[in-house]
Amino acid sequence: MASNQRARQAAQAGAQVGARVRSSGQGARMRDVAQAAGVSLMTVSRALREPHKLSEETRKAVMDAVHQIGYVPNSIAANLASNRSNVVGQIVPSIQNSLYADTLKGTADVLRKAGLHLLLADSGSSPQEEEALIGAFLAQRVAGLILHNTDHTPKALQMIERSGVPVIETGDLPRQPLDMVVSYSNAEAAKAMTLHLGARGYKRIGFVSLDTRLNRRARERLRGYQAGLKALGLRPDPALVMEVAPGLTSGAHAMVDMITRAPDVDAIFFAGDVLAVGALFEAQRRGWKVPGRIALAGFDDLDIHQHTVPKLTCLRLPRLEIGRRSAEALLARLRGGSEAPRVDLGFEVIQREST
């Protein structure tokens, strides 16, 4: 009887507290939960952090009060106390680029099963913005960081070193990584595609990429292309190399410009799939046969490559596996592991109709 009366009182108090919180516009506090449930602050804290130490009746009374008044535990305060949260921060150059979707999915799937949450941020391909985001994540006591970029500002490097959090880099295989690396070699992938085009009989192979000054991955792909030409015994020609802005239009313009200034070019390797698709669409608009007039190859195996006419030759990269293995390496470190793995997941050249 006393138990039923206490439950009714808790419900009435919860309704009153809930009304007070809603009318004042302030968030519910732990002491509001304690008042609603008719228990102490310590009991509320224990119900939220160590529920197994309480009786089912007490735990239920507290959780009912939590739900009634809409209390959200202060995870920031908890993070400050434990110096670690259950959140992992991941930074990519652009959330508009679908290339990162598989990697993010792989990461989130593994972390979710381990009870961790993934927070995503977009650096806009800016080292300074990445620096700011790293600072924001570290201020929230994230359990770890996953960074696509492998170039970082001095301040970002300093913050990461002082924090001691585990870090995974995923955009390339740098010679001197921050901590752990799970990726593939952009240089080796570009070299493999250049050699593939040479083996198909192409002699004047062009190369189009994003700005190599601002993008290490683009620089590595250019290096791989040049190494491929050397291995084929082909003379490098500045007229066959272009750096452009992202986008379909850039790819279209690059192909036309290259053919204009080097009419004997017979194949173009685009170190970015959107560029390659833009070039293909422009070739079709102009009535140029692919690969009759010009052979085209891309860098990533976007879904659209299998539906264009002709289908585009490309490199297939293990982006989903990069996400999974990154999360697994991070979890291993959080569970006490001390290894700093450098995992090369490789790539595959996919021959299709465009070459």
Foldseek 3Di string as FASTA:
>chain_A
DVLVVLLVQLCVLLLVQLVVCVVVVHADDLVSLCNSLVHDSVLLVCLVPPVVVDDPSSSVSSVVSCVSNVHDDDQQVVCVVVLAHLEEEEEDQDPVDCLQVLLVVLQQVQSVVVVGHYDYDHQVLDLVSVLVVLVVCSSSSYQEYEYQDQDHDPSSLVVCVVSVHYYEYENAQDPDGSFAYAYAHLLQLLLVVLLVVVVVPFQQEAEEEADVVSGVSRVSSVNSNVVNCVVSVHDDDPLRYYHFDDALCGLCVNVVSSCVVPVSHQEYEYAAVRSQVSNVVNCVVVVHDFNVRHFYAYEEDDPCQVVDVFRHKYKHTPSNVSNNVVNVVSVCVVVPDDDRYYHHPYIGTGDTRRD
